[in-house]
Amino acid sequence: MISRSDAELAEILKVDRVTVTRWKNQTRFPKFDEVLKYEEILGLPFECFISREPNLEAIKEKLEMQLRAVKKAIKEKEQESLI
């Protein structure tokens, strides 16, 4: 089952939800150049993607900030279209 957070992360990274699920299940991994792109999009250091013991709380906080920004931008666009 794909969680809402998988779908939201997929949207932010512009990948398929199945891709995110495969990363989480460790059946597939992103290519090196993709990791660099995701590092920039999410504002997370490269080490977060390759560490066996990443700082999950810091990653969660960054993702939540990014998600809030995306939701805010969507809301602003919706309000603009009503004007």
Protein backbone atom coordinates (compact mmCIF):
# COMPACT_ATOMS: atom_id res chain seq x y z
CA MET A 1 0.00 0.00 0.00
CA ILE A 2 1.31 3.45 -0.92
CA SER A 3 1.06 6.01 1.84
CA ARG A 4 0.11 9.62 1.34
CA SER A 5 3.63 10.66 2.31
CA ASP A 6 5.06 8.44 -0.44
CA ALA A 7 2.83 10.19 -2.95
CA GLU A 8 3.75 13.63 -1.61
CA LEU A 9 7.48 12.86 -1.73
CA ALA A 10 7.09 11.49 -5.24
CA GLU A 11 5.38 14.71 -6.28
CA ILE A 12 8.13 16.87 -4.77
CA LEU A 13 10.87 14.82 -6.45
CA LYS A 14 8.93 14.45 -9.70
CA VAL A 15 9.16 10.65 -9.66
CA ASP A 16 6.57 7.89 -9.67
CA ARG A 17 5.08 6.80 -6.32
CA VAL A 18 6.23 3.25 -7.02
CA THR A 19 9.80 4.55 -7.23
CA VAL A 20 9.58 6.00 -3.72
CA THR A 21 8.12 2.75 -2.41
CA ARG A 22 10.96 0.76 -4.00
CA TRP A 23 13.53 3.06 -2.39
CA LYS A 24 11.86 2.58 0.99
CA ASN A 25 11.79 -1.20 0.51
CA GLN A 26 15.42 -1.07 -0.66
CA THR A 27 14.61 -3.00 -3.82
CA ARG A 28 15.82 -0.11 -5.99
CA PHE A 29 18.07 2.88 -5.43
CA PRO A 30 18.41 6.23 -7.18
CA LYS A 31 21.39 6.86 -9.45
CA PHE A 32 24.19 9.08 -8.15
CA ASP A 33 23.23 12.07 -10.30
CA GLU A 34 19.63 11.74 -9.13
CA VAL A 35 20.75 11.78 -5.49
CA LEU A 36 22.53 15.06 -6.14
CA LYS A 37 19.36 16.49 -7.67
CA TYR A 38 17.24 15.31 -4.72
CA GLU A 39 19.79 16.74 -2.33
CA GLU A 40 19.25 20.15 -3.92
CA ILE A 41 15.44 19.86 -4.08
CA LEU A 42 15.07 18.74 -0.47
CA GLY A 43 17.89 20.81 0.97
CA LEU A 44 19.39 17.75 2.62
CA PRO A 45 23.09 16.90 2.73
CA PHE A 46 24.34 14.06 0.56
CA GLU A 47 25.18 12.05 3.68
CA CYS A 48 21.46 11.70 4.46
CA PHE A 49 21.05 9.62 1.33
CA ILE A 50 24.00 7.31 1.81
CA SER A 51 24.31 6.94 5.59
CA ARG A 52 23.30 3.67 7.17
CA GLU A 53 22.13 5.65 10.21
CA PRO A 54 20.75 8.93 8.85
CA ASN A 55 19.41 11.63 11.12
CA LEU A 56 15.79 10.74 10.44
CA GLU A 57 14.38 13.55 12.56
CA ALA A 58 16.28 16.17 10.57
CA ILE A 59 15.15 14.57 7.31
CA LYS A 60 11.55 14.50 8.52
CA GLU A 61 11.66 18.17 9.50
CA LYS A 62 13.11 19.20 6.13
CA LEU A 63 10.50 17.16 4.24
CA GLU A 64 7.69 18.64 6.33
CA MET A 65 8.98 22.17 5.61
CA GLN A 66 9.12 21.37 1.89
CA LEU A 67 5.64 19.89 1.98
CA ARG A 68 4.25 22.98 3.72
CA ALA A 69 5.86 25.17 1.07
CA VAL A 70 4.32 23.09 -1.73
CA LYS A 71 0.88 23.20 -0.10
CA LYS A 72 1.18 26.97 0.40
CA ALA A 73 2.13 27.47 -3.25
CA ILE A 74 -0.83 25.35 -4.38
CA LYS A 75 -3.19 27.32 -2.15
CA GLU A 76 -1.85 30.63 -3.49
CA LYS A 77 -2.32 29.43 -7.08
CA GLU A 78 -5.87 28.36 -6.31
CA GLN A 79 -6.62 31.76 -4.76
CA GLU A 80 -5.12 33.55 -7.79
CA SER A 81 -7.39 31.60 -10.10
CA LEU A 82 -10.44 32.75 -8.11
CA ILE A 83 -9.58 36.41 -8.64
